[in-house]
Amino acid sequence: MELAGKHGDGLVFAIPPRGVAVAEALGHARKGAARAGRALDGFRNCALTNVALLEPGEPIDSPRVVRTVGPNVMASVYYFYDEVQERSIEPPEFLRPIWKRYCTLVEETPSTHRHFRTHEFHYTYLHPGEAELIDASLIRPTCLVGTAEALVEQVRELERQGLQELMFAIGVDERWRVAEAFARRVIARM
């Protein structure tokens, strides 16, 4: 992030749980710019996140939500699986209820091919057994989630923190429907 401030004209970063808070990301960019003796005039920033737009009264872990953002949610799990394996750290608190079951699924694949297994379906599909791991306690910390009204407020809060742009990726078949609903029901109200 400091390199973006030192050399770039913008920064794309992940917000928690995988990434850092807006203020922290921008602080790193400012630090890099200061080291290079440059101003961040015109410097843009964008957060990569997952979005789950709920219908009024819809449960966070409804079959529709799991189907549309489940692959995104699991991408966060894949990320932390690699972090735990590579750095010998504990998984974050929000993953502990599913951690052993998830590891059991992954370890069905020979260790020489696990990296492929954990990353082959990024943002597109779920492996067998993964949908059963996804519930509200996993969706909430890995997504901006709520009705249109709630998402408008969450995005406004990110703006107050200094975020300029928001990016989300959905690779499932409903991706265009989800993007259009978000544009019409959330972005149009901003």
Protein backbone atom coordinates (compact mmCIF):
# COMPACT_ATOMS: atom_id res chain seq x y z
CA MET A 1 0.00 0.00 0.00
CA GLU A 2 2.93 2.27 0.64
CA LEU A 3 4.17 1.50 -2.87
CA ALA A 4 0.86 2.72 -4.26
CA GLY A 5 1.35 6.00 -2.43
CA LYS A 6 4.96 6.22 -3.54
CA HIS A 7 4.48 5.37 -7.21
CA GLY A 8 0.82 5.02 -8.10
CA ASP A 9 -2.24 7.06 -8.83
CA GLY A 10 -4.58 4.90 -6.80
CA LEU A 11 -5.07 1.96 -4.49
CA VAL A 12 -7.38 -1.04 -4.57
CA PHE A 13 -7.53 -2.86 -1.26
CA ALA A 14 -9.63 -5.34 0.64
CA ILE A 15 -11.51 -4.22 3.71
CA PRO A 16 -11.88 -6.44 6.77
CA PRO A 17 -11.89 -9.28 7.47
CA ARG A 18 -9.27 -10.06 4.82
CA GLY A 19 -7.90 -6.59 4.47
CA VAL A 20 -7.51 -3.41 6.41
CA ALA A 21 -9.78 -0.57 7.45
CA VAL A 22 -10.07 2.40 5.11
CA ALA A 23 -8.11 4.76 7.38
CA GLU A 24 -5.29 2.25 7.73
CA ALA A 25 -5.04 1.65 3.98
CA LEU A 26 -5.01 5.36 3.24
CA GLY A 27 -2.46 5.90 6.00
CA HIS A 28 -0.11 3.43 4.32
CA ALA A 29 -0.55 5.23 0.99
CA ARG A 30 0.14 8.63 2.62
CA LYS A 31 3.26 7.21 4.28
CA GLY A 32 4.57 5.99 0.93
CA ALA A 33 3.81 9.32 -0.72
CA ALA A 34 5.56 11.20 2.08
CA ARG A 35 8.65 9.02 1.72
CA ALA A 36 8.71 9.87 -1.99
CA GLY A 37 8.08 13.56 -1.35
CA ARG A 38 4.91 13.57 -3.41
CA ALA A 39 1.37 14.70 -2.80
CA LEU A 40 -1.61 12.41 -3.27
CA ASP A 41 -3.55 14.93 -5.35
CA GLY A 42 -5.96 13.01 -7.56
CA PHE A 43 -5.08 9.73 -5.84
CA ARG A 44 -8.06 7.35 -5.97
CA ASN A 45 -8.98 4.48 -3.69
CA CYS A 46 -11.29 1.54 -4.05
CA ALA A 47 -12.23 -1.31 -1.73
CA LEU A 48 -12.84 -4.86 -2.88
CA THR A 49 -15.64 -6.43 -0.88
CA ASN A 50 -18.52 -8.88 -1.09
CA VAL A 51 -22.10 -7.64 -1.16
CA ALA A 52 -25.27 -9.46 -0.14
CA LEU A 53 -28.38 -7.41 -0.94
CA LEU A 54 -31.27 -8.85 1.05
CA GLU A 55 -34.93 -8.64 0.21
CA PRO A 56 -37.06 -7.22 3.07
CA GLY A 57 -37.46 -9.95 5.69
CA GLU A 58 -35.04 -12.32 3.94
CA PRO A 59 -32.70 -14.26 6.24
CA ILE A 60 -29.00 -13.57 5.78
CA ASP A 61 -28.38 -17.24 5.03
CA SER A 62 -31.33 -17.82 2.71
CA PRO A 63 -30.73 -20.31 -0.12
CA ARG A 64 -30.65 -17.38 -2.59
CA VAL A 65 -27.98 -15.54 -0.63
CA VAL A 66 -25.86 -18.66 -0.15
CA ARG A 67 -26.15 -19.41 -3.87
CA THR A 68 -25.18 -15.88 -4.97
CA VAL A 69 -22.49 -14.90 -2.45
CA GLY A 70 -21.47 -18.31 -1.13
CA PRO A 71 -18.51 -18.55 -3.53
CA ASN A 72 -17.39 -15.07 -2.43
CA VAL A 73 -17.73 -15.99 1.23
CA MET A 74 -15.70 -19.13 0.66
CA ALA A 75 -12.97 -17.11 -1.09
CA SER A 76 -12.37 -15.49 2.29
CA VAL A 77 -12.18 -18.93 3.88
CA TYR A 78 -9.69 -20.04 1.20
CA TYR A 79 -7.56 -16.97 1.89
CA PHE A 80 -7.42 -17.68 5.61
CA TYR A 81 -6.77 -21.39 5.03
CA ASP A 82 -3.61 -20.42 3.15
CA GLU A 83 -2.65 -17.88 5.82
CA VAL A 84 -3.03 -20.46 8.59
CA GLN A 85 -1.04 -23.06 6.66
CA GLU A 86 1.74 -20.73 5.52
CA ARG A 87 2.19 -18.62 8.65
CA SER A 88 1.22 -21.15 11.35
CA ILE A 89 -1.35 -18.78 12.83
CA GLU A 90 -4.76 -19.45 14.29
CA PRO A 91 -7.82 -18.87 12.09
CA PRO A 92 -9.79 -15.72 12.87
CA GLU A 93 -12.52 -16.03 15.47
CA PHE A 94 -15.38 -15.91 12.96
CA LEU A 95 -14.03 -19.02 11.19
CA ARG A 96 -13.49 -21.17 14.27
CA PRO A 97 -17.01 -22.72 14.30
CA ILE A 98 -16.47 -24.19 10.82
CA TRP A 99 -12.70 -24.54 10.75
CA LYS A 100 -12.32 -28.25 11.52
CA ARG A 101 -15.13 -29.21 9.13
CA TYR A 102 -13.62 -27.05 6.38
CA CYS A 103 -10.13 -28.47 6.91
CA THR A 104 -11.57 -31.98 6.72
CA LEU A 105 -13.08 -31.14 3.32
CA VAL A 106 -9.81 -29.68 2.04
CA GLU A 107 -7.72 -32.54 3.38
CA GLU A 108 -9.68 -35.02 1.26
CA THR A 109 -7.48 -33.66 -1.54
CA PRO A 110 -3.83 -34.79 -1.63
CA SER A 111 -1.54 -32.14 -0.14
CA THR A 112 0.26 -31.69 -3.49
CA HIS A 113 -3.02 -30.48 -5.04
CA ARG A 114 -4.67 -28.59 -2.16
CA HIS A 115 -3.72 -25.18 -3.49
CA PHE A 116 -5.63 -25.95 -6.66
CA ARG A 117 -8.59 -27.20 -4.66
CA THR A 118 -8.78 -24.10 -2.49
CA HIS A 119 -8.55 -21.67 -5.40
CA GLU A 120 -10.10 -23.29 -8.47
CA PHE A 121 -13.64 -22.02 -7.84
CA HIS A 122 -12.86 -18.50 -6.64
CA TYR A 123 -16.05 -16.45 -6.84
CA THR A 124 -17.79 -18.93 -9.13
CA TYR A 125 -18.82 -22.23 -7.53
CA LEU A 126 -18.84 -24.09 -4.26
CA HIS A 127 -17.12 -27.41 -3.68
CA PRO A 128 -19.33 -30.22 -2.36
CA GLY A 129 -19.90 -29.71 1.35
CA GLU A 130 -19.11 -25.99 1.39
CA ALA A 131 -22.69 -24.69 1.17
CA GLU A 132 -23.45 -26.49 4.42
CA LEU A 133 -20.73 -24.44 6.15
CA ILE A 134 -22.23 -21.10 5.15
CA ASP A 135 -24.55 -19.44 7.63
CA ALA A 136 -25.25 -15.93 8.90
CA SER A 137 -22.23 -16.04 11.21
CA LEU A 138 -19.97 -16.58 8.18
CA ILE A 139 -21.75 -14.26 5.75
CA ARG A 140 -21.92 -11.25 8.07
CA PRO A 141 -18.15 -10.85 8.64
CA THR A 142 -17.25 -11.47 4.97
CA CYS A 143 -19.81 -9.24 3.23
CA LEU A 144 -21.51 -5.93 3.30
CA VAL A 145 -24.95 -7.37 3.98
CA GLY A 146 -28.44 -6.02 4.44
CA THR A 147 -31.49 -4.60 2.75
CA ALA A 148 -31.00 -1.74 0.32
CA GLU A 149 -31.49 0.79 3.12
CA ALA A 150 -28.90 -0.90 5.33
CA LEU A 151 -26.39 -1.16 2.48
CA VAL A 152 -26.83 2.51 1.61
CA GLU A 153 -25.87 3.38 5.20
CA GLN A 154 -22.91 0.97 5.19
CA VAL A 155 -21.56 2.44 1.95
CA ARG A 156 -22.07 5.98 3.28
CA GLU A 157 -20.09 5.05 6.40
CA LEU A 158 -17.25 3.79 4.21
CA GLU A 159 -17.40 7.09 2.31
CA ARG A 160 -17.17 9.01 5.61
CA GLN A 161 -14.03 7.00 6.34
CA GLY A 162 -12.52 8.21 3.04
CA LEU A 163 -13.44 5.42 0.63
CA GLN A 164 -14.07 6.70 -2.90
CA GLU A 165 -15.07 3.59 -4.82
CA LEU A 166 -16.42 0.15 -4.13
CA MET A 167 -15.80 -2.97 -6.18
CA PHE A 168 -17.40 -6.36 -5.83
CA ALA A 169 -17.17 -9.45 -7.97
CA ILE A 170 -19.78 -12.14 -8.36
CA GLY A 171 -19.07 -15.05 -10.66
CA VAL A 172 -22.31 -16.97 -10.37
CA ASP A 173 -24.94 -17.14 -13.10
CA GLU A 174 -27.06 -14.45 -11.40
CA ARG A 175 -24.19 -11.93 -11.48
CA TRP A 176 -25.87 -9.46 -13.84
CA ARG A 177 -29.16 -9.60 -11.96
CA VAL A 178 -27.32 -9.01 -8.66
CA ALA A 179 -25.28 -6.13 -10.11
CA GLU A 180 -28.39 -4.49 -11.59
CA ALA A 181 -30.32 -4.82 -8.33
CA PHE A 182 -27.41 -3.28 -6.40
CA ALA A 183 -27.15 -0.42 -8.91
CA ARG A 184 -30.89 0.32 -8.89
CA ARG A 185 -31.62 -0.21 -5.20
CA VAL A 186 -28.41 0.95 -3.53
CA ILE A 187 -26.18 3.07 -5.79
CA ALA A 188 -29.12 5.05 -7.22
CA ARG A 189 -29.89 6.23 -3.66
CA MET A 190 -26.39 7.46 -2.95
